[in-house]
Amino acid sequence: MVVWIYAIPWYFQIFFLALVAYSIHYYIFAVRKPMTYISHGIFRSHLQADVPSLYRRYYPTPWCTGTHSMTLMRFFLKAKPYVEYRRELIRLADGGTAALDWPVEEPENYSDTVPICLLIPGVAGHSQESYLLNWITNLRAIGLRSVIFLNRGAGGTPLNTPMTYDGFHNKEDLRLAVCRIKERYPRAPIIAEGTSMGGITLVHYLATYGFEANIAAAMVQSTGWCIFESVKSLSKPSNMIFNLYLTHRYKEVIVENKEMFEEQGIDTEEVLKCRTVQEIHKKYVAPQHGYSTVEEYWDMLSPHRQLLHVKIPLLSLNAADDVFSPEKSIPVHLTERNPNVAFVVTAKGGHIGFMEGVNPKQAGYNDTLFYEFVKMIWKCLDSGELSLDGRWCNESDEPSSQRQYPVWPQQN
């Protein structure tokens, strides 16, 4: 045996030992069950019964477990099925423009009482995001319609006023979009999902309008809960690549609409000199929305202060290593005071990453969790336990048994 080992070239021995060491490290520090926070109540009972991903181990892509690699590689590795959209523009109260992107291909045998999934990407998001393309394709396969809400200036939506997408004030834009959907499909419940800045907007909207929001249930992922902590994290040298990326996206909007901004008396040259998101917020975003200091704006933008006012079922997914939403800023303690809110925190996942398995093109942890949540809410709506406005109609902690729902289609 000893002779056989010595016969193996030394570089193969080193490779084998390194592989064993990494495998041990991976299974100890990366492969973990997510931490779930929620108070006792009917929402918790349904999650326990119908969302098994809350209680199984998450296996992040073993060669891509770091927060930076997980966040960046998602753009290049996730499957991107083809989806064609029909854009519906929405004229906003101040003259701005938002949009609803409706997939052209409809589900088969669709009923006007089946839920519609309203998907809200972040500040740099658009309708061709890989996770949105996969969700739309898979939702359609099980008979659900979906629609993407694009805020002013996002995803090719025209910017008619200097007011850009900020996450807080745009909740009124979301209100108009929801009303437009309900005008078209008044009998269809809406299940909303917000990602990153889209999650911030969604939480503010739900807290402001309560049961009048016309949303039956909601999920948010990779949402920054305390903007002060998010900015502090993005200011670290190791995270500056993300800071610079967001700054670049802000500047793109300025450059594309330079003439309009200058007509409104905005010094675009001064804004374009900004090197970080903090400077952009200080010199442009905060003043545009009437704040005297950027700190005042960040305080208003932070959605954690609104969680106690959320009245409908809300599930939040965050990764502990997300540089946009540091683990210590996730307000899991507030679930003790609001049984309508649940937090799921994975050890790994990065920002909107959550890739899983050796092949990252397959469904990630966020994909599976989102589907299970949608299926759970669909079941509750179908049974009458949950109303269209998000009220629980059955006060019992025991969920009723219902018919079987389709399984999540496998991704290639």
Protein backbone atom coordinates (compact mmCIF):
# COMPACT_ATOMS: atom_id res chain seq x y z
CA MET A 1 0.00 0.00 0.00
CA VAL A 2 2.82 2.37 0.97
CA VAL A 3 4.67 1.52 -2.22
CA TRP A 4 1.53 2.25 -4.27
CA ILE A 5 1.13 5.67 -2.65
CA TYR A 6 4.74 6.59 -3.34
CA ALA A 7 4.22 5.54 -6.95
CA ILE A 8 1.66 8.34 -7.38
CA PRO A 9 3.26 11.57 -8.61
CA TRP A 10 3.68 14.15 -5.87
CA TYR A 11 1.50 16.74 -7.60
CA PHE A 12 -1.42 14.25 -7.69
CA GLN A 13 -0.95 13.63 -3.98
CA ILE A 14 -1.08 17.35 -3.26
CA PHE A 15 -4.17 17.74 -5.46
CA PHE A 16 -5.92 14.86 -3.70
CA LEU A 17 -5.13 16.21 -0.22
CA ALA A 18 -6.30 19.69 -1.24
CA LEU A 19 -9.53 18.21 -2.61
CA VAL A 20 -10.17 16.32 0.63
CA ALA A 21 -9.42 19.44 2.72
CA TYR A 22 -11.74 21.61 0.62
CA SER A 23 -14.51 19.00 0.74
CA ILE A 24 -14.32 18.96 4.52
CA HIS A 25 -14.37 22.75 4.63
CA TYR A 26 -17.31 22.86 2.19
CA TYR A 27 -19.49 20.48 4.17
CA ILE A 28 -18.69 22.14 7.50
CA PHE A 29 -18.95 25.83 6.59
CA ALA A 30 -20.97 26.05 3.36
CA VAL A 31 -23.57 23.27 3.45
CA ARG A 32 -26.08 24.25 6.11
CA LYS A 33 -29.78 24.41 6.75
CA PRO A 34 -31.07 27.98 6.48
CA MET A 35 -32.04 29.83 9.63
CA THR A 36 -35.79 30.48 9.68
CA TYR A 37 -37.38 33.14 11.89
CA ILE A 38 -41.14 33.41 12.33
CA SER A 39 -43.62 33.66 15.22
CA HIS A 40 -46.29 31.09 15.97
CA GLY A 41 -49.43 31.42 13.90
CA ILE A 42 -51.22 30.23 10.80
CA PHE A 43 -48.52 31.60 8.46
CA ARG A 44 -45.86 29.58 10.24
CA SER A 45 -48.03 26.45 10.14
CA HIS A 46 -48.46 26.71 6.38
CA LEU A 47 -44.75 27.32 5.83
CA GLN A 48 -43.88 24.28 7.90
CA ALA A 49 -46.36 22.12 6.00
CA ASP A 50 -45.80 23.30 2.42
CA VAL A 51 -42.30 24.82 2.11
CA PRO A 52 -39.83 21.96 2.66
CA SER A 53 -36.84 24.01 1.48
CA LEU A 54 -36.92 25.85 4.80
CA TYR A 55 -35.80 22.68 6.55
CA ARG A 56 -33.33 21.05 4.17
CA ARG A 57 -29.66 21.77 3.60
CA TYR A 58 -28.67 24.29 0.96
CA TYR A 59 -25.77 23.03 -1.18
CA PRO A 60 -24.19 26.09 -2.82
CA THR A 61 -22.27 25.47 -6.03
CA PRO A 62 -19.10 23.93 -4.53
CA TRP A 63 -16.64 25.74 -6.80
CA CYS A 64 -18.44 29.08 -6.37
CA THR A 65 -19.27 29.52 -2.67
CA GLY A 66 -17.75 32.96 -2.12
CA THR A 67 -20.10 35.94 -1.99
CA HIS A 68 -18.33 37.79 -4.81
CA SER A 69 -18.10 34.78 -7.12
CA MET A 70 -21.69 33.71 -6.38
CA THR A 71 -23.00 37.21 -7.11
CA LEU A 72 -20.99 37.77 -10.28
CA MET A 73 -21.08 34.31 -11.85
CA ARG A 74 -24.90 34.25 -11.77
CA PHE A 75 -24.88 36.66 -14.70
CA PHE A 76 -22.88 34.25 -16.84
CA LEU A 77 -23.87 30.78 -15.69
CA LYS A 78 -27.61 30.75 -15.04
CA ALA A 79 -29.85 29.46 -17.84
CA LYS A 80 -31.66 32.19 -19.80
CA PRO A 81 -34.72 30.80 -21.58
CA TYR A 82 -36.19 33.01 -24.30
CA VAL A 83 -39.18 35.12 -23.26
CA GLU A 84 -40.90 37.64 -25.51
CA TYR A 85 -42.69 40.56 -23.83
CA ARG A 86 -45.47 42.98 -24.63
CA ARG A 87 -44.77 46.31 -22.91
CA GLU A 88 -47.55 48.38 -21.38
CA LEU A 89 -46.54 51.92 -20.40
CA ILE A 90 -48.06 53.57 -17.34
CA ARG A 91 -48.27 57.36 -17.09
CA LEU A 92 -47.42 58.43 -13.54
CA ALA A 93 -48.86 61.27 -11.51
CA ASP A 94 -45.84 63.57 -11.96
CA GLY A 95 -45.54 62.92 -15.69
CA GLY A 96 -43.06 60.07 -15.35
CA THR A 97 -43.40 56.66 -16.96
CA ALA A 98 -43.32 53.12 -15.58
CA ALA A 99 -44.00 49.88 -17.45
CA LEU A 100 -45.49 46.42 -17.16
CA ASP A 101 -43.79 43.75 -19.27
CA TRP A 102 -46.31 40.98 -20.03
CA PRO A 103 -44.96 37.70 -21.48
CA VAL A 104 -46.50 37.21 -24.92
CA GLU A 105 -46.89 33.46 -24.49
CA GLU A 106 -49.84 32.73 -22.20
CA PRO A 107 -50.28 29.65 -19.97
CA GLU A 108 -52.52 26.93 -21.37
CA ASN A 109 -56.06 26.72 -19.99
CA TYR A 110 -55.55 29.91 -18.00
CA SER A 111 -58.40 31.05 -15.74
CA ASP A 112 -58.97 34.67 -14.73
CA THR A 113 -59.12 33.57 -11.08
CA VAL A 114 -55.65 32.01 -11.06
CA PRO A 115 -52.98 34.11 -9.26
CA ILE A 116 -50.76 36.55 -11.14
CA CYS A 117 -47.13 36.81 -10.03
CA LEU A 118 -45.97 40.43 -10.02
CA LEU A 119 -42.15 40.50 -10.26
CA ILE A 120 -40.24 43.65 -9.25
CA PRO A 121 -36.50 43.75 -10.07
CA GLY A 122 -33.98 46.09 -8.47
CA VAL A 123 -32.50 49.43 -9.44
CA ALA A 124 -30.26 47.87 -12.10
CA GLY A 125 -32.71 45.11 -13.03
CA HIS A 126 -34.55 44.47 -16.28
CA SER A 127 -36.83 41.91 -17.90
CA GLN A 128 -33.94 39.80 -19.19
CA GLU A 129 -32.57 38.93 -15.75
CA SER A 130 -31.86 35.18 -15.62
CA TYR A 131 -33.94 34.55 -12.50
CA LEU A 132 -36.93 36.39 -14.00
CA LEU A 133 -36.71 34.45 -17.27
CA ASN A 134 -36.61 31.14 -15.42
CA TRP A 135 -39.45 32.07 -13.09
CA ILE A 136 -41.69 33.25 -15.92
CA THR A 137 -41.04 30.10 -17.93
CA ASN A 138 -41.69 27.77 -15.01
CA LEU A 139 -44.73 29.67 -13.74
CA ARG A 140 -46.25 29.50 -17.21
CA ALA A 141 -45.62 25.74 -17.30
CA ILE A 142 -47.81 25.21 -14.23
CA GLY A 143 -50.56 27.54 -15.41
CA LEU A 144 -49.68 30.85 -13.76
CA ARG A 145 -49.43 34.23 -15.44
CA SER A 146 -46.64 36.63 -14.48
CA VAL A 147 -45.80 40.26 -15.20
CA ILE A 148 -42.70 42.38 -14.54
CA PHE A 149 -42.96 45.89 -13.12
CA LEU A 150 -40.27 48.23 -14.42
CA ASN A 151 -39.95 51.52 -12.62
CA ARG A 152 -39.03 54.84 -14.18
CA GLY A 153 -35.76 54.70 -16.10
CA ALA A 154 -35.32 50.93 -15.54
CA GLY A 155 -35.06 48.32 -18.26
CA GLY A 156 -35.43 50.77 -21.12
CA THR A 157 -38.42 52.56 -19.62
CA PRO A 158 -38.32 56.25 -20.63
CA LEU A 159 -37.38 58.78 -17.98
CA ASN A 160 -39.64 61.80 -18.48
CA THR A 161 -38.82 63.58 -15.21
CA PRO A 162 -35.64 63.98 -13.11
CA MET A 163 -37.17 61.70 -10.47
CA THR A 164 -35.38 58.35 -10.76
CA TYR A 165 -36.01 55.00 -9.09
CA ASP A 166 -35.21 55.40 -5.39
CA GLY A 167 -37.08 52.56 -3.64
CA PHE A 168 -39.20 54.62 -1.24
CA HIS A 169 -41.10 57.27 -3.17
CA ASN A 170 -41.70 54.87 -6.05
CA LYS A 171 -44.18 52.92 -3.97
CA GLU A 172 -46.82 55.22 -5.45
CA ASP A 173 -45.72 54.14 -8.93
CA LEU A 174 -46.15 50.54 -7.83
CA ARG A 175 -49.63 51.43 -6.60
CA LEU A 176 -50.63 52.56 -10.09
CA ALA A 177 -49.18 49.39 -11.62
CA VAL A 178 -51.15 47.17 -9.23
CA CYS A 179 -54.33 49.11 -10.00
CA ARG A 180 -53.70 48.62 -13.72
CA ILE A 181 -53.35 44.86 -13.21
CA LYS A 182 -56.53 44.70 -11.13
CA GLU A 183 -58.42 46.67 -13.78
CA ARG A 184 -57.50 44.03 -16.32
CA TYR A 185 -57.89 40.96 -14.05
CA PRO A 186 -60.13 41.97 -11.13
CA ARG A 187 -60.72 38.39 -9.97
CA ALA A 188 -57.09 37.28 -10.00
CA PRO A 189 -55.09 37.40 -6.75
CA ILE A 190 -51.65 39.00 -6.99
CA ILE A 191 -48.58 37.36 -5.45
CA ALA A 192 -45.74 39.89 -5.49
CA GLU A 193 -41.99 39.34 -5.43
CA GLY A 194 -39.39 42.07 -5.00
CA THR A 195 -35.65 41.65 -5.51
CA SER A 196 -33.00 43.92 -3.98
CA MET A 197 -34.26 47.52 -4.37
CA GLY A 198 -37.51 46.07 -5.70
CA GLY A 199 -37.96 44.40 -2.33
CA ILE A 200 -37.46 47.73 -0.57
CA THR A 201 -40.18 49.31 -2.71
CA LEU A 202 -42.51 46.37 -2.10
CA VAL A 203 -42.09 46.44 1.70
CA HIS A 204 -42.77 50.19 1.82
CA TYR A 205 -45.82 49.70 -0.39
CA LEU A 206 -47.23 46.88 1.77
CA ALA A 207 -46.63 48.83 4.98
CA THR A 208 -48.27 51.95 3.59
CA TYR A 209 -51.42 50.38 2.15
CA GLY A 210 -51.95 47.28 4.30
CA PHE A 211 -54.98 45.30 3.16
CA GLU A 212 -55.68 48.01 0.56
CA ALA A 213 -52.49 47.05 -1.32
CA ASN A 214 -54.40 44.48 -3.43
CA ILE A 215 -51.61 41.95 -2.81
CA ALA A 216 -52.47 38.51 -1.39
CA ALA A 217 -48.91 37.63 -0.32
CA ALA A 218 -45.34 38.67 -1.04
CA MET A 219 -41.75 37.48 -1.05
CA VAL A 220 -38.57 39.55 -1.17
CA GLN A 221 -35.01 38.39 -1.79
CA SER A 222 -31.61 40.01 -1.20
CA THR A 223 -33.27 43.13 0.20
CA GLY A 224 -31.12 45.66 2.03
CA TRP A 225 -32.91 46.26 5.33
CA CYS A 226 -30.74 49.00 6.80
CA ILE A 227 -29.25 51.31 4.16
CA PHE A 228 -26.66 52.64 6.60
CA GLU A 229 -25.23 49.12 7.00
CA SER A 230 -25.50 48.47 3.26
CA VAL A 231 -23.51 51.63 2.48
CA LYS A 232 -20.92 50.78 5.12
CA SER A 233 -20.48 47.31 3.60
CA LEU A 234 -20.26 48.62 0.02
CA SER A 235 -17.58 51.10 1.13
CA LYS A 236 -15.13 48.33 2.04
CA PRO A 237 -12.28 47.95 -0.48
CA SER A 238 -13.18 44.30 -1.09
CA ASN A 239 -16.73 45.29 -2.10
CA MET A 240 -15.96 48.37 -4.18
CA ILE A 241 -16.57 46.48 -7.43
CA PHE A 242 -20.29 46.42 -6.62
CA ASN A 243 -20.25 50.05 -5.49
CA LEU A 244 -18.65 51.10 -8.76
CA TYR A 245 -21.13 49.04 -10.76
CA LEU A 246 -24.13 50.74 -9.15
CA THR A 247 -22.49 54.14 -9.59
CA HIS A 248 -21.99 53.36 -13.27
CA ARG A 249 -25.66 52.42 -13.69
CA TYR A 250 -26.75 55.71 -12.10
CA LYS A 251 -24.42 57.62 -14.41
CA GLU A 252 -25.81 55.78 -17.44
CA VAL A 253 -29.26 57.14 -16.64
CA ILE A 254 -27.82 60.65 -16.28
CA VAL A 255 -25.94 60.46 -19.59
CA GLU A 256 -28.93 59.02 -21.49
CA ASN A 257 -31.15 61.85 -20.24
CA LYS A 258 -28.55 64.62 -19.88
CA GLU A 259 -30.51 67.27 -21.75
CA MET A 260 -33.65 66.71 -19.69
CA PHE A 261 -31.71 66.90 -16.41
CA GLU A 262 -29.95 70.11 -17.43
CA GLU A 263 -33.27 71.70 -18.40
CA GLN A 264 -34.33 71.10 -14.79
CA GLY A 265 -31.27 72.96 -13.50
CA ILE A 266 -29.29 69.87 -12.46
CA ASP A 267 -25.51 70.12 -12.79
CA THR A 268 -24.94 66.83 -14.61
CA GLU A 269 -21.18 67.35 -14.87
CA GLU A 270 -20.94 67.55 -11.10
CA VAL A 271 -23.02 64.38 -10.70
CA LEU A 272 -20.93 62.52 -13.28
CA LYS A 273 -17.82 63.26 -11.21
CA CYS A 274 -19.19 61.09 -8.37
CA ARG A 275 -17.16 57.96 -7.75
CA THR A 276 -19.42 56.07 -5.33
CA VAL A 277 -23.10 55.43 -4.68
CA GLN A 278 -22.78 57.49 -1.51
CA GLU A 279 -21.74 60.54 -3.52
CA ILE A 280 -24.54 59.99 -6.06
CA HIS A 281 -27.10 59.83 -3.25
CA LYS A 282 -25.65 62.89 -1.54
CA LYS A 283 -25.32 65.13 -4.58
CA TYR A 284 -28.33 64.03 -6.60
CA VAL A 285 -30.84 61.47 -5.25
CA ALA A 286 -31.39 62.90 -1.75
CA PRO A 287 -31.80 66.56 -2.90
CA GLN A 288 -34.13 65.50 -5.73
CA HIS A 289 -36.51 63.99 -3.20
CA GLY A 290 -36.41 66.92 -0.83
CA TYR A 291 -34.02 65.67 1.85
CA SER A 292 -31.59 68.07 3.46
CA THR A 293 -29.02 65.35 4.20
CA VAL A 294 -28.22 61.96 2.69
CA GLU A 295 -28.53 60.41 6.15
CA GLU A 296 -32.13 61.57 6.34
CA TYR A 297 -32.77 59.92 2.97
CA TRP A 298 -31.11 56.64 3.99
CA ASP A 299 -33.15 56.53 7.18
CA MET A 300 -36.40 56.96 5.25
CA LEU A 301 -35.35 54.41 2.62
CA SER A 302 -34.48 51.65 5.13
CA PRO A 303 -37.43 49.20 5.08
CA HIS A 304 -36.80 47.56 8.46
CA ARG A 305 -38.63 50.44 10.15
CA GLN A 306 -41.80 49.50 8.22
CA LEU A 307 -41.96 45.76 8.94
CA LEU A 308 -44.32 46.04 11.89
CA HIS A 309 -46.92 47.63 9.60
CA VAL A 310 -46.97 44.75 7.09
CA LYS A 311 -50.32 42.97 7.38
CA ILE A 312 -50.14 40.28 4.70
CA PRO A 313 -47.90 37.16 4.52
CA LEU A 314 -44.34 38.25 3.68
CA LEU A 315 -41.38 35.88 3.25
CA SER A 316 -37.86 37.31 3.07
CA LEU A 317 -34.80 35.46 1.76
CA ASN A 318 -31.32 36.79 2.52
CA ALA A 319 -27.82 35.35 2.45
CA ALA A 320 -25.63 35.96 5.48
CA ASP A 321 -22.72 36.81 3.16
CA ASP A 322 -24.62 39.34 1.00
CA VAL A 323 -22.49 42.49 0.77
CA PHE A 324 -25.59 44.57 -0.02
CA SER A 325 -27.39 43.38 3.12
CA PRO A 326 -24.99 42.38 5.91
CA GLU A 327 -26.24 39.68 8.25
CA LYS A 328 -26.32 41.94 11.31
CA SER A 329 -28.68 44.35 9.50
CA ILE A 330 -31.37 41.71 8.86
CA PRO A 331 -34.13 42.51 11.42
CA VAL A 332 -35.06 38.93 12.31
CA HIS A 333 -36.03 40.01 15.84
CA LEU A 334 -39.05 41.85 14.47
CA THR A 335 -40.72 38.56 13.58
CA GLU A 336 -41.50 38.21 17.29
CA ARG A 337 -43.77 41.25 17.00
CA ASN A 338 -45.31 40.54 13.59
CA PRO A 339 -46.44 36.96 12.79
CA ASN A 340 -47.07 37.94 9.17
CA VAL A 341 -43.33 38.24 8.46
CA ALA A 342 -40.86 35.36 8.07
CA PHE A 343 -37.10 35.53 7.46
CA VAL A 344 -34.97 32.85 5.82
CA VAL A 345 -31.21 33.37 6.07
CA THR A 346 -28.77 31.07 4.28
CA ALA A 347 -25.08 30.87 5.15
CA LYS A 348 -24.06 31.37 1.50
CA GLY A 349 -25.75 32.80 -1.58
CA GLY A 350 -24.29 36.26 -2.21
CA HIS A 351 -26.57 38.89 -3.73
CA ILE A 352 -29.35 37.26 -5.79
CA GLY A 353 -26.98 34.32 -6.35
CA PHE A 354 -28.16 31.23 -4.47
CA MET A 355 -26.78 28.89 -7.15
CA GLU A 356 -26.96 25.26 -6.09
CA GLY A 357 -25.29 22.00 -7.11
CA VAL A 358 -22.37 21.36 -9.42
CA ASN A 359 -24.37 22.60 -12.42
CA PRO A 360 -25.40 26.21 -11.66
CA LYS A 361 -27.80 26.28 -14.62
CA GLN A 362 -30.26 24.21 -12.65
CA ALA A 363 -32.78 25.71 -10.23
CA GLY A 364 -31.09 27.54 -7.36
CA TYR A 365 -32.22 27.70 -3.77
CA ASN A 366 -34.10 30.98 -4.35
CA ASP A 367 -35.89 29.50 -7.36
CA THR A 368 -37.09 26.46 -5.43
CA LEU A 369 -38.10 28.51 -2.38
CA PHE A 370 -40.04 30.98 -4.53
CA TYR A 371 -41.96 28.23 -6.26
CA GLU A 372 -42.82 26.47 -3.02
CA PHE A 373 -44.02 29.75 -1.54
CA VAL A 374 -46.17 30.53 -4.59
CA LYS A 375 -47.62 27.03 -4.51
CA MET A 376 -48.40 27.40 -0.79
CA ILE A 377 -50.15 30.73 -1.29
CA TRP A 378 -52.04 29.36 -4.30
CA LYS A 379 -53.27 26.48 -2.14
CA CYS A 380 -54.38 28.85 0.63
CA LEU A 381 -56.24 31.05 -1.87
CA ASP A 382 -57.85 28.05 -3.51
CA SER A 383 -59.08 26.72 -0.16
CA GLY A 384 -60.42 30.09 0.98
CA GLU A 385 -58.01 30.29 3.92
CA LEU A 386 -56.42 33.41 2.45
CA SER A 387 -58.35 36.25 0.84
CA LEU A 388 -57.35 38.31 -2.20
CA ASP A 389 -56.25 41.16 0.06
CA GLY A 390 -54.02 38.94 2.22
CA ARG A 391 -56.28 38.34 5.22
CA TRP A 392 -56.21 34.92 6.88
CA CYS A 393 -59.78 33.65 6.97
CA ASN A 394 -59.04 30.63 9.15
CA GLU A 395 -57.61 31.46 12.56
CA SER A 396 -56.65 27.84 13.25
CA ASP A 397 -52.94 27.06 13.27
CA GLU A 398 -53.58 23.84 11.35
CA PRO A 399 -53.58 24.21 7.53
CA SER A 400 -56.30 22.30 5.71
CA SER A 401 -55.31 19.59 3.25
CA GLN A 402 -55.87 20.45 -0.40
CA ARG A 403 -55.45 18.97 -3.85
CA GLN A 404 -51.96 18.28 -5.21
CA TYR A 405 -50.33 21.08 -7.17
CA PRO A 406 -47.89 20.71 -10.08
CA VAL A 407 -44.21 20.13 -9.39
CA TRP A 408 -41.61 22.71 -10.37
CA PRO A 409 -40.39 21.99 -13.91
CA GLN A 410 -36.80 20.83 -14.14
CA GLN A 411 -34.33 23.28 -15.66
CA ASN A 412 -31.71 22.12 -18.13
